[in-house]
All heavy atoms as atom14 arrays in JSON, in Angstrom:
{
  "sequence": "ALRLNPNDAFAYNNLGVALSDQGKVEEAIEAYQQALCLNPNNAAAY",
  "atom14_mask": [
    [1, 1, 1, 1, 1, 0, 0, 0, 0, 0, 0, 0, 0, 0],
    [1, 1, 1, 1, 1, 1, 1, 1, 0, 0, 0, 0, 0, 0],
    [1, 1, 1, 1, 1, 1, 1, 1, 1, 1, 1, 0, 0, 0],
    [1, 1, 1, 1, 1, 1, 1, 1, 0, 0, 0, 0, 0, 0],
    [1, 1, 1, 1, 1, 1, 1, 1, 0, 0, 0, 0, 0, 0],
    [1, 1, 1, 1, 1, 1, 1, 0, 0, 0, 0, 0, 0, 0],
    [1, 1, 1, 1, 1, 1, 1, 1, 0, 0, 0, 0, 0, 0],
    [1, 1, 1, 1, 1, 1, 1, 1, 0, 0, 0, 0, 0, 0],
    [1, 1, 1, 1, 1, 0, 0, 0, 0, 0, 0, 0, 0, 0],
    [1, 1, 1, 1, 1, 1, 1, 1, 1, 1, 1, 0, 0, 0],
    [1, 1, 1, 1, 1, 0, 0, 0, 0, 0, 0, 0, 0, 0],
    [1, 1, 1, 1, 1, 1, 1, 1, 1, 1, 1, 1, 0, 0],
    [1, 1, 1, 1, 1, 1, 1, 1, 0, 0, 0, 0, 0, 0],
    [1, 1, 1, 1, 1, 1, 1, 1, 0, 0, 0, 0, 0, 0],
    [1, 1, 1, 1, 1, 1, 1, 1, 0, 0, 0, 0, 0, 0],
    [1, 1, 1, 1, 0, 0, 0, 0, 0, 0, 0, 0, 0, 0],
    [1, 1, 1, 1, 1, 1, 1, 0, 0, 0, 0, 0, 0, 0],
    [1, 1, 1, 1, 1, 0, 0, 0, 0, 0, 0, 0, 0, 0],
    [1, 1, 1, 1, 1, 1, 1, 1, 0, 0, 0, 0, 0, 0],
    [1, 1, 1, 1, 1, 1, 0, 0, 0, 0, 0, 0, 0, 0],
    [1, 1, 1, 1, 1, 1, 1, 1, 0, 0, 0, 0, 0, 0],
    [1, 1, 1, 1, 1, 1, 1, 1, 1, 0, 0, 0, 0, 0],
    [1, 1, 1, 1, 0, 0, 0, 0, 0, 0, 0, 0, 0, 0],
    [1, 1, 1, 1, 1, 1, 1, 1, 1, 0, 0, 0, 0, 0],
    [1, 1, 1, 1, 1, 1, 1, 0, 0, 0, 0, 0, 0, 0],
    [1, 1, 1, 1, 1, 1, 1, 1, 1, 0, 0, 0, 0, 0],
    [1, 1, 1, 1, 1, 1, 1, 1, 1, 0, 0, 0, 0, 0],
    [1, 1, 1, 1, 1, 0, 0, 0, 0, 0, 0, 0, 0, 0],
    [1, 1, 1, 1, 1, 1, 1, 1, 0, 0, 0, 0, 0, 0],
    [1, 1, 1, 1, 1, 1, 1, 1, 1, 0, 0, 0, 0, 0],
    [1, 1, 1, 1, 1, 0, 0, 0, 0, 0, 0, 0, 0, 0],
    [1, 1, 1, 1, 1, 1, 1, 1, 1, 1, 1, 1, 0, 0],
    [1, 1, 1, 1, 1, 1, 1, 1, 1, 0, 0, 0, 0, 0],
    [1, 1, 1, 1, 1, 1, 1, 1, 1, 0, 0, 0, 0, 0],
    [1, 1, 1, 1, 1, 0, 0, 0, 0, 0, 0, 0, 0, 0],
    [1, 1, 1, 1, 1, 1, 1, 1, 0, 0, 0, 0, 0, 0],
    [1, 1, 1, 1, 1, 1, 0, 0, 0, 0, 0, 0, 0, 0],
    [1, 1, 1, 1, 1, 1, 1, 1, 0, 0, 0, 0, 0, 0],
    [1, 1, 1, 1, 1, 1, 1, 1, 0, 0, 0, 0, 0, 0],
    [1, 1, 1, 1, 1, 1, 1, 0, 0, 0, 0, 0, 0, 0],
    [1, 1, 1, 1, 1, 1, 1, 1, 0, 0, 0, 0, 0, 0],
    [1, 1, 1, 1, 1, 1, 1, 1, 0, 0, 0, 0, 0, 0],
    [1, 1, 1, 1, 1, 0, 0, 0, 0, 0, 0, 0, 0, 0],
    [1, 1, 1, 1, 1, 0, 0, 0, 0, 0, 0, 0, 0, 0],
    [1, 1, 1, 1, 1, 0, 0, 0, 0, 0, 0, 0, 0, 0],
    [1, 1, 1, 1, 1, 1, 1, 1, 1, 1, 1, 1, 0, 0]
  ],
  "atom14_positions": [
    [[-16.65, -39.21, 35.83], [-16.49, -40.66, 35.91], [-15.29, -41.02, 36.79], [-15.35, -41.96, 37.58], [-16.31, -41.25, 34.51], [0.0, 0.0, 0.0], [0.0, 0.0, 0.0], [0.0, 0.0, 0.0], [0.0, 0.0, 0.0], [0.0, 0.0, 0.0], [0.0, 0.0, 0.0], [0.0, 0.0, 0.0], [0.0, 0.0, 0.0], [0.0, 0.0, 0.0]],
    [[-14.22, -40.25, 36.68], [-13.01, -40.52, 37.47], [-13.2, -40.15, 38.93], [-12.57, -40.75, 39.81], [-11.81, -39.81, 36.86], [-11.37, -40.44, 35.54], [-10.41, -39.53, 34.8], [-10.75, -41.81, 35.79], [0.0, 0.0, 0.0], [0.0, 0.0, 0.0], [0.0, 0.0, 0.0], [0.0, 0.0, 0.0], [0.0, 0.0, 0.0], [0.0, 0.0, 0.0]],
    [[-14.06, -39.18, 39.21], [-14.37, -38.89, 40.62], [-15.12, -40.06, 41.24], [-14.91, -40.39, 42.4], [-15.19, -37.6, 40.74], [-14.34, -36.34, 40.61], [-15.11, -35.08, 40.99], [-16.1, -34.7, 39.99], [-15.84, -34.0, 38.88], [-14.59, -33.61, 38.63], [-16.8, -33.68, 38.04], [0.0, 0.0, 0.0], [0.0, 0.0, 0.0], [0.0, 0.0, 0.0]],
    [[-15.96, -40.71, 40.44], [-16.72, -41.86, 40.93], [-15.87, -43.12, 40.99], [-16.05, -43.95, 41.87], [-17.93, -42.11, 40.02], [-18.97, -40.98, 40.0], [-20.02, -41.25, 38.93], [-19.62, -40.83, 41.37], [0.0, 0.0, 0.0], [0.0, 0.0, 0.0], [0.0, 0.0, 0.0], [0.0, 0.0, 0.0], [0.0, 0.0, 0.0], [0.0, 0.0, 0.0]],
    [[-14.95, -43.27, 40.03], [-14.08, -44.44, 39.99], [-12.68, -44.0, 39.56], [-12.36, -44.01, 38.36], [-14.62, -45.5, 39.04], [-13.74, -46.73, 39.0], [-12.78, -46.86, 39.75], [-14.05, -47.65, 38.09], [0.0, 0.0, 0.0], [0.0, 0.0, 0.0], [0.0, 0.0, 0.0], [0.0, 0.0, 0.0], [0.0, 0.0, 0.0], [0.0, 0.0, 0.0]],
    [[-11.84, -43.61, 40.51], [-10.51, -43.1, 40.17], [-9.55, -44.16, 39.62], [-8.42, -43.85, 39.27], [-9.99, -42.52, 41.48], [-10.81, -43.14, 42.54], [-12.12, -43.53, 41.93], [0.0, 0.0, 0.0], [0.0, 0.0, 0.0], [0.0, 0.0, 0.0], [0.0, 0.0, 0.0], [0.0, 0.0, 0.0], [0.0, 0.0, 0.0], [0.0, 0.0, 0.0]],
    [[-9.99, -45.4, 39.53], [-9.14, -46.47, 39.02], [-9.56, -46.92, 37.62], [-9.23, -48.03, 37.2], [-9.17, -47.66, 39.97], [-8.56, -47.31, 41.3], [-7.51, -46.68, 41.36], [-9.21, -47.7, 42.37], [0.0, 0.0, 0.0], [0.0, 0.0, 0.0], [0.0, 0.0, 0.0], [0.0, 0.0, 0.0], [0.0, 0.0, 0.0], [0.0, 0.0, 0.0]],
    [[-10.25, -46.07, 36.88], [-10.75, -46.41, 35.56], [-9.74, -45.97, 34.49], [-9.73, -44.81, 34.06], [-12.1, -45.74, 35.34], [-12.78, -46.19, 34.06], [-12.11, -46.75, 33.16], [-14.0, -45.95, 33.94], [0.0, 0.0, 0.0], [0.0, 0.0, 0.0], [0.0, 0.0, 0.0], [0.0, 0.0, 0.0], [0.0, 0.0, 0.0], [0.0, 0.0, 0.0]],
    [[-8.9, -46.89, 34.07], [-7.87, -46.59, 33.08], [-8.49, -46.16, 31.75], [-7.96, -45.29, 31.06], [-6.97, -47.8, 32.87], [0.0, 0.0, 0.0], [0.0, 0.0, 0.0], [0.0, 0.0, 0.0], [0.0, 0.0, 0.0], [0.0, 0.0, 0.0], [0.0, 0.0, 0.0], [0.0, 0.0, 0.0], [0.0, 0.0, 0.0], [0.0, 0.0, 0.0]],
    [[-9.61, -46.75, 31.39], [-10.31, -46.41, 30.15], [-10.71, -44.94, 30.16], [-10.53, -44.22, 29.17], [-11.53, -47.32, 30.0], [-12.34, -47.08, 28.76], [-11.9, -47.54, 27.52], [-13.54, -46.39, 28.83], [-12.66, -47.32, 26.38], [-14.3, -46.17, 27.69], [-13.86, -46.63, 26.47], [0.0, 0.0, 0.0], [0.0, 0.0, 0.0], [0.0, 0.0, 0.0]],
    [[-11.26, -44.48, 31.26], [-11.69, -43.07, 31.37], [-10.48, -42.13, 31.3], [-10.57, -41.07, 30.68], [-12.48, -42.85, 32.65], [0.0, 0.0, 0.0], [0.0, 0.0, 0.0], [0.0, 0.0, 0.0], [0.0, 0.0, 0.0], [0.0, 0.0, 0.0], [0.0, 0.0, 0.0], [0.0, 0.0, 0.0], [0.0, 0.0, 0.0], [0.0, 0.0, 0.0]],
    [[-9.37, -42.51, 31.93], [-8.17, -41.67, 31.86], [-7.67, -41.55, 30.42], [-7.28, -40.48, 29.97], [-7.04, -42.21, 32.75], [-7.11, -41.72, 34.16], [-7.46, -42.57, 35.19], [-6.82, -40.4, 34.48], [-7.53, -42.13, 36.5], [-6.89, -39.93, 35.78], [-7.24, -40.8, 36.78], [-7.3, -40.35, 38.07], [0.0, 0.0, 0.0], [0.0, 0.0, 0.0]],
    [[-7.67, -42.67, 29.7], [-7.22, -42.63, 28.31], [-8.12, -41.73, 27.49], [-7.64, -40.89, 26.72], [-7.18, -44.04, 27.72], [-6.67, -44.03, 26.3], [-5.56, -43.6, 26.03], [-7.51, -44.46, 25.38], [0.0, 0.0, 0.0], [0.0, 0.0, 0.0], [0.0, 0.0, 0.0], [0.0, 0.0, 0.0], [0.0, 0.0, 0.0], [0.0, 0.0, 0.0]],
    [[-9.42, -41.88, 27.64], [-10.35, -41.05, 26.87], [-10.29, -39.59, 27.28], [-10.44, -38.7, 26.42], [-11.77, -41.6, 27.01], [-11.94, -42.88, 26.23], [-11.21, -43.15, 25.28], [-12.89, -43.68, 26.63], [0.0, 0.0, 0.0], [0.0, 0.0, 0.0], [0.0, 0.0, 0.0], [0.0, 0.0, 0.0], [0.0, 0.0, 0.0], [0.0, 0.0, 0.0]],
    [[-10.05, -39.33, 28.55], [-9.84, -37.95, 28.99], [-8.62, -37.37, 28.28], [-8.64, -36.24, 27.81], [-9.65, -37.9, 30.51], [-9.29, -36.53, 31.09], [-10.38, -35.5, 30.81], [-9.04, -36.66, 32.6], [0.0, 0.0, 0.0], [0.0, 0.0, 0.0], [0.0, 0.0, 0.0], [0.0, 0.0, 0.0], [0.0, 0.0, 0.0], [0.0, 0.0, 0.0]],
    [[-7.56, -38.17, 28.19], [-6.36, -37.72, 27.48], [-6.63, -37.38, 26.03], [-6.15, -36.36, 25.52], [0.0, 0.0, 0.0], [0.0, 0.0, 0.0], [0.0, 0.0, 0.0], [0.0, 0.0, 0.0], [0.0, 0.0, 0.0], [0.0, 0.0, 0.0], [0.0, 0.0, 0.0], [0.0, 0.0, 0.0], [0.0, 0.0, 0.0], [0.0, 0.0, 0.0]],
    [[-7.43, -38.19, 25.37], [-7.78, -37.92, 23.97], [-8.52, -36.59, 23.86], [-8.22, -35.76, 23.0], [-8.63, -39.07, 23.39], [-9.18, -38.7, 22.02], [-7.81, -40.35, 23.3], [0.0, 0.0, 0.0], [0.0, 0.0, 0.0], [0.0, 0.0, 0.0], [0.0, 0.0, 0.0], [0.0, 0.0, 0.0], [0.0, 0.0, 0.0], [0.0, 0.0, 0.0]],
    [[-9.5, -36.37, 24.74], [-10.27, -35.14, 24.71], [-9.39, -33.92, 25.0], [-9.51, -32.88, 24.34], [-11.43, -35.22, 25.7], [0.0, 0.0, 0.0], [0.0, 0.0, 0.0], [0.0, 0.0, 0.0], [0.0, 0.0, 0.0], [0.0, 0.0, 0.0], [0.0, 0.0, 0.0], [0.0, 0.0, 0.0], [0.0, 0.0, 0.0], [0.0, 0.0, 0.0]],
    [[-8.5, -34.06, 25.98], [-7.59, -32.96, 26.3], [-6.65, -32.67, 25.13], [-6.38, -31.52, 24.8], [-6.79, -33.29, 27.56], [-7.58, -33.29, 28.86], [-6.77, -33.96, 29.98], [-7.99, -31.88, 29.26], [0.0, 0.0, 0.0], [0.0, 0.0, 0.0], [0.0, 0.0, 0.0], [0.0, 0.0, 0.0], [0.0, 0.0, 0.0], [0.0, 0.0, 0.0]],
    [[-6.16, -33.72, 24.51], [-5.28, -33.56, 23.36], [-6.0, -32.84, 22.22], [-5.43, -31.99, 21.54], [-4.78, -34.93, 22.89], [-3.9, -34.79, 21.82], [0.0, 0.0, 0.0], [0.0, 0.0, 0.0], [0.0, 0.0, 0.0], [0.0, 0.0, 0.0], [0.0, 0.0, 0.0], [0.0, 0.0, 0.0], [0.0, 0.0, 0.0], [0.0, 0.0, 0.0]],
    [[-7.27, -33.17, 22.02], [-8.06, -32.51, 20.98], [-8.17, -31.0, 21.22], [-8.34, -30.24, 20.28], [-9.47, -33.11, 20.91], [-9.49, -34.48, 20.26], [-8.47, -34.88, 19.66], [-10.53, -35.16, 20.37], [0.0, 0.0, 0.0], [0.0, 0.0, 0.0], [0.0, 0.0, 0.0], [0.0, 0.0, 0.0], [0.0, 0.0, 0.0], [0.0, 0.0, 0.0]],
    [[-8.07, -30.61, 22.48], [-8.12, -29.18, 22.82], [-6.73, -28.53, 22.83], [-6.61, -27.37, 23.16], [-8.75, -28.99, 24.19], [-10.24, -29.07, 24.19], [-10.82, -28.44, 25.43], [-10.25, -28.53, 26.51], [-11.95, -27.79, 25.28], [0.0, 0.0, 0.0], [0.0, 0.0, 0.0], [0.0, 0.0, 0.0], [0.0, 0.0, 0.0], [0.0, 0.0, 0.0]],
    [[-5.71, -29.3, 22.52], [-4.36, -28.77, 22.52], [-3.72, -28.74, 23.89], [-2.66, -28.15, 24.07], [0.0, 0.0, 0.0], [0.0, 0.0, 0.0], [0.0, 0.0, 0.0], [0.0, 0.0, 0.0], [0.0, 0.0, 0.0], [0.0, 0.0, 0.0], [0.0, 0.0, 0.0], [0.0, 0.0, 0.0], [0.0, 0.0, 0.0], [0.0, 0.0, 0.0]],
    [[-4.33, -29.38, 24.87], [-3.8, -29.43, 26.24], [-2.93, -30.68, 26.36], [-3.26, -31.64, 27.05], [-4.94, -29.44, 27.25], [-5.8, -28.2, 27.19], [-6.96, -28.27, 28.16], [-7.79, -27.0, 28.08], [-8.99, -27.08, 28.94], [0.0, 0.0, 0.0], [0.0, 0.0, 0.0], [0.0, 0.0, 0.0], [0.0, 0.0, 0.0], [0.0, 0.0, 0.0]],
    [[-1.79, -30.64, 25.69], [-0.94, -31.81, 25.54], [-0.36, -32.27, 26.87], [-0.35, -33.47, 27.16], [0.17, -31.56, 24.51], [1.08, -32.76, 24.37], [-0.44, -31.2, 23.16], [0.0, 0.0, 0.0], [0.0, 0.0, 0.0], [0.0, 0.0, 0.0], [0.0, 0.0, 0.0], [0.0, 0.0, 0.0], [0.0, 0.0, 0.0], [0.0, 0.0, 0.0]],
    [[0.12, -31.36, 27.69], [0.71, -31.76, 28.98], [-0.32, -32.46, 29.86], [-0.02, -33.46, 30.5], [1.32, -30.55, 29.7], [2.56, -30.0, 29.04], [3.71, -31.0, 28.97], [3.9, -31.76, 29.94], [4.41, -31.01, 27.94], [0.0, 0.0, 0.0], [0.0, 0.0, 0.0], [0.0, 0.0, 0.0], [0.0, 0.0, 0.0], [0.0, 0.0, 0.0]],
    [[-1.54, -31.93, 29.9], [-2.59, -32.56, 30.68], [-2.97, -33.91, 30.09], [-3.24, -34.86, 30.83], [-3.82, -31.65, 30.74], [-3.61, -30.39, 31.55], [-4.83, -29.49, 31.52], [-5.93, -29.97, 31.85], [-4.67, -28.31, 31.16], [0.0, 0.0, 0.0], [0.0, 0.0, 0.0], [0.0, 0.0, 0.0], [0.0, 0.0, 0.0], [0.0, 0.0, 0.0]],
    [[-2.97, -34.0, 28.77], [-3.27, -35.27, 28.1], [-2.21, -36.31, 28.46], [-2.55, -37.46, 28.76], [-3.33, -35.07, 26.59], [0.0, 0.0, 0.0], [0.0, 0.0, 0.0], [0.0, 0.0, 0.0], [0.0, 0.0, 0.0], [0.0, 0.0, 0.0], [0.0, 0.0, 0.0], [0.0, 0.0, 0.0], [0.0, 0.0, 0.0], [0.0, 0.0, 0.0]],
    [[-0.95, -35.91, 28.46], [0.14, -36.82, 28.82], [-0.06, -37.36, 30.23], [0.09, -38.56, 30.47], [1.51, -36.12, 28.66], [1.82, -35.9, 27.18], [2.62, -36.9, 29.36], [3.01, -35.02, 26.91], [0.0, 0.0, 0.0], [0.0, 0.0, 0.0], [0.0, 0.0, 0.0], [0.0, 0.0, 0.0], [0.0, 0.0, 0.0], [0.0, 0.0, 0.0]],
    [[-0.43, -36.5, 31.15], [-0.68, -36.93, 32.53], [-1.82, -37.94, 32.58], [-1.74, -38.93, 33.33], [-0.99, -35.74, 33.42], [0.21, -34.84, 33.65], [-0.13, -33.59, 34.46], [-1.18, -33.58, 35.14], [0.65, -32.64, 34.41], [0.0, 0.0, 0.0], [0.0, 0.0, 0.0], [0.0, 0.0, 0.0], [0.0, 0.0, 0.0], [0.0, 0.0, 0.0]],
    [[-2.87, -37.73, 31.81], [-3.99, -38.66, 31.79], [-3.56, -40.0, 31.21], [-3.92, -41.07, 31.76], [-5.14, -38.07, 30.99], [0.0, 0.0, 0.0], [0.0, 0.0, 0.0], [0.0, 0.0, 0.0], [0.0, 0.0, 0.0], [0.0, 0.0, 0.0], [0.0, 0.0, 0.0], [0.0, 0.0, 0.0], [0.0, 0.0, 0.0], [0.0, 0.0, 0.0]],
    [[-2.8, -40.0, 30.13], [-2.3, -41.26, 29.55], [-1.39, -41.99, 30.54], [-1.46, -43.21, 30.66], [-1.53, -41.01, 28.25], [-2.33, -40.37, 27.15], [-1.77, -39.38, 26.36], [-3.65, -40.74, 26.88], [-2.48, -38.79, 25.33], [-4.37, -40.15, 25.87], [-3.78, -39.17, 25.08], [-4.48, -38.58, 24.07], [0.0, 0.0, 0.0], [0.0, 0.0, 0.0]],
    [[-0.54, -41.24, 31.23], [0.35, -41.86, 32.22], [-0.46, -42.54, 33.32], [-0.14, -43.65, 33.74], [1.28, -40.81, 32.83], [2.31, -40.3, 31.88], [3.04, -39.08, 32.41], [2.49, -38.29, 33.17], [4.28, -38.91, 31.98], [0.0, 0.0, 0.0], [0.0, 0.0, 0.0], [0.0, 0.0, 0.0], [0.0, 0.0, 0.0], [0.0, 0.0, 0.0]],
    [[-1.5, -41.87, 33.78], [-2.33, -42.46, 34.83], [-3.02, -43.71, 34.31], [-3.12, -44.71, 35.03], [-3.36, -41.44, 35.33], [-4.11, -41.93, 36.55], [-3.21, -42.22, 37.74], [-2.23, -41.53, 37.97], [-3.55, -43.24, 38.48], [0.0, 0.0, 0.0], [0.0, 0.0, 0.0], [0.0, 0.0, 0.0], [0.0, 0.0, 0.0], [0.0, 0.0, 0.0]],
    [[-3.49, -43.68, 33.07], [-4.12, -44.86, 32.47], [-3.14, -46.03, 32.46], [-3.5, -47.17, 32.79], [-4.6, -44.55, 31.06], [0.0, 0.0, 0.0], [0.0, 0.0, 0.0], [0.0, 0.0, 0.0], [0.0, 0.0, 0.0], [0.0, 0.0, 0.0], [0.0, 0.0, 0.0], [0.0, 0.0, 0.0], [0.0, 0.0, 0.0], [0.0, 0.0, 0.0]],
    [[-1.89, -45.74, 32.12], [-0.87, -46.81, 32.05], [-0.43, -47.28, 33.43], [-0.1, -48.45, 33.6], [0.33, -46.34, 31.23], [0.01, -46.19, 29.75], [1.14, -45.47, 29.03], [-0.27, -47.54, 29.13], [0.0, 0.0, 0.0], [0.0, 0.0, 0.0], [0.0, 0.0, 0.0], [0.0, 0.0, 0.0], [0.0, 0.0, 0.0], [0.0, 0.0, 0.0]],
    [[-0.44, -46.4, 34.4], [-0.12, -46.82, 35.76], [-1.19, -47.79, 36.27], [-0.88, -48.75, 36.97], [-0.03, -45.61, 36.69], [1.45, -44.61, 36.44], [0.0, 0.0, 0.0], [0.0, 0.0, 0.0], [0.0, 0.0, 0.0], [0.0, 0.0, 0.0], [0.0, 0.0, 0.0], [0.0, 0.0, 0.0], [0.0, 0.0, 0.0], [0.0, 0.0, 0.0]],
    [[-2.43, -47.53, 35.9], [-3.53, -48.39, 36.33], [-3.61, -49.68, 35.52], [-3.99, -50.72, 36.04], [-4.86, -47.63, 36.22], [-5.02, -46.47, 37.18], [-6.23, -45.62, 36.8], [-5.14, -46.97, 38.62], [0.0, 0.0, 0.0], [0.0, 0.0, 0.0], [0.0, 0.0, 0.0], [0.0, 0.0, 0.0], [0.0, 0.0, 0.0], [0.0, 0.0, 0.0]],
    [[-3.26, -49.6, 34.23], [-3.32, -50.77, 33.36], [-2.15, -50.72, 32.38], [-2.26, -50.14, 31.3], [-4.65, -50.82, 32.6], [-4.73, -52.02, 31.68], [-3.84, -52.85, 31.64], [-5.81, -52.09, 30.92], [0.0, 0.0, 0.0], [0.0, 0.0, 0.0], [0.0, 0.0, 0.0], [0.0, 0.0, 0.0], [0.0, 0.0, 0.0], [0.0, 0.0, 0.0]],
    [[-1.03, -51.33, 32.76], [0.16, -51.28, 31.91], [0.0, -52.02, 30.58], [0.87, -51.96, 29.72], [1.26, -51.94, 32.75], [0.68, -52.19, 34.08], [-0.78, -51.97, 34.03], [0.0, 0.0, 0.0], [0.0, 0.0, 0.0], [0.0, 0.0, 0.0], [0.0, 0.0, 0.0], [0.0, 0.0, 0.0], [0.0, 0.0, 0.0], [0.0, 0.0, 0.0]],
    [[-1.11, -52.72, 30.38], [-1.36, -53.44, 29.13], [-2.3, -52.68, 28.2], [-2.79, -53.24, 27.23], [-1.94, -54.82, 29.43], [-0.97, -55.67, 30.22], [0.21, -55.7, 29.92], [-1.47, -56.34, 31.23], [0.0, 0.0, 0.0], [0.0, 0.0, 0.0], [0.0, 0.0, 0.0], [0.0, 0.0, 0.0], [0.0, 0.0, 0.0], [0.0, 0.0, 0.0]],
    [[-2.55, -51.42, 28.47], [-3.48, -50.61, 27.69], [-2.77, -50.1, 26.43], [-2.11, -49.06, 26.45], [-3.99, -49.46, 28.55], [-5.09, -48.67, 27.89], [-5.18, -48.59, 26.68], [-5.93, -48.07, 28.72], [0.0, 0.0, 0.0], [0.0, 0.0, 0.0], [0.0, 0.0, 0.0], [0.0, 0.0, 0.0], [0.0, 0.0, 0.0], [0.0, 0.0, 0.0]],
    [[-2.93, -50.84, 25.34], [-2.24, -50.5, 24.1], [-2.66, -49.13, 23.57], [-1.84, -48.38, 23.05], [-2.5, -51.58, 23.06], [0.0, 0.0, 0.0], [0.0, 0.0, 0.0], [0.0, 0.0, 0.0], [0.0, 0.0, 0.0], [0.0, 0.0, 0.0], [0.0, 0.0, 0.0], [0.0, 0.0, 0.0], [0.0, 0.0, 0.0], [0.0, 0.0, 0.0]],
    [[-3.94, -48.79, 23.7], [-4.41, -47.49, 23.2], [-3.74, -46.35, 23.94], [-3.36, -45.35, 23.34], [-5.94, -47.41, 23.34], [0.0, 0.0, 0.0], [0.0, 0.0, 0.0], [0.0, 0.0, 0.0], [0.0, 0.0, 0.0], [0.0, 0.0, 0.0], [0.0, 0.0, 0.0], [0.0, 0.0, 0.0], [0.0, 0.0, 0.0], [0.0, 0.0, 0.0]],
    [[-3.59, -46.49, 25.26], [-2.93, -45.44, 26.04], [-1.46, -45.3, 25.65], [-0.95, -44.18, 25.57], [-3.07, -45.72, 27.54], [0.0, 0.0, 0.0], [0.0, 0.0, 0.0], [0.0, 0.0, 0.0], [0.0, 0.0, 0.0], [0.0, 0.0, 0.0], [0.0, 0.0, 0.0], [0.0, 0.0, 0.0], [0.0, 0.0, 0.0], [0.0, 0.0, 0.0]],
    [[-0.78, -46.43, 25.39], [0.61, -46.35, 24.92], [0.69, -45.63, 23.58], [1.55, -44.77, 23.37], [1.23, -47.75, 24.76], [1.82, -48.3, 26.02], [1.23, -49.38, 26.66], [2.97, -47.76, 26.58], [1.77, -49.91, 27.82], [3.52, -48.26, 27.74], [2.92, -49.35, 28.35], [3.45, -49.85, 29.49], [0.0, 0.0, 0.0], [0.0, 0.0, 0.0]]
  ]
}
């Protein structure tokens, strides 16, 4: 989804959740950061 639309903050946040579920915390943090860079009002990502 992000390859098709790299500006999708929702997809970045959900990617972070999935990565976190796998214990890939650093990668999850990067995904959440990208979500917030794209949408600073994303409460779920915060």
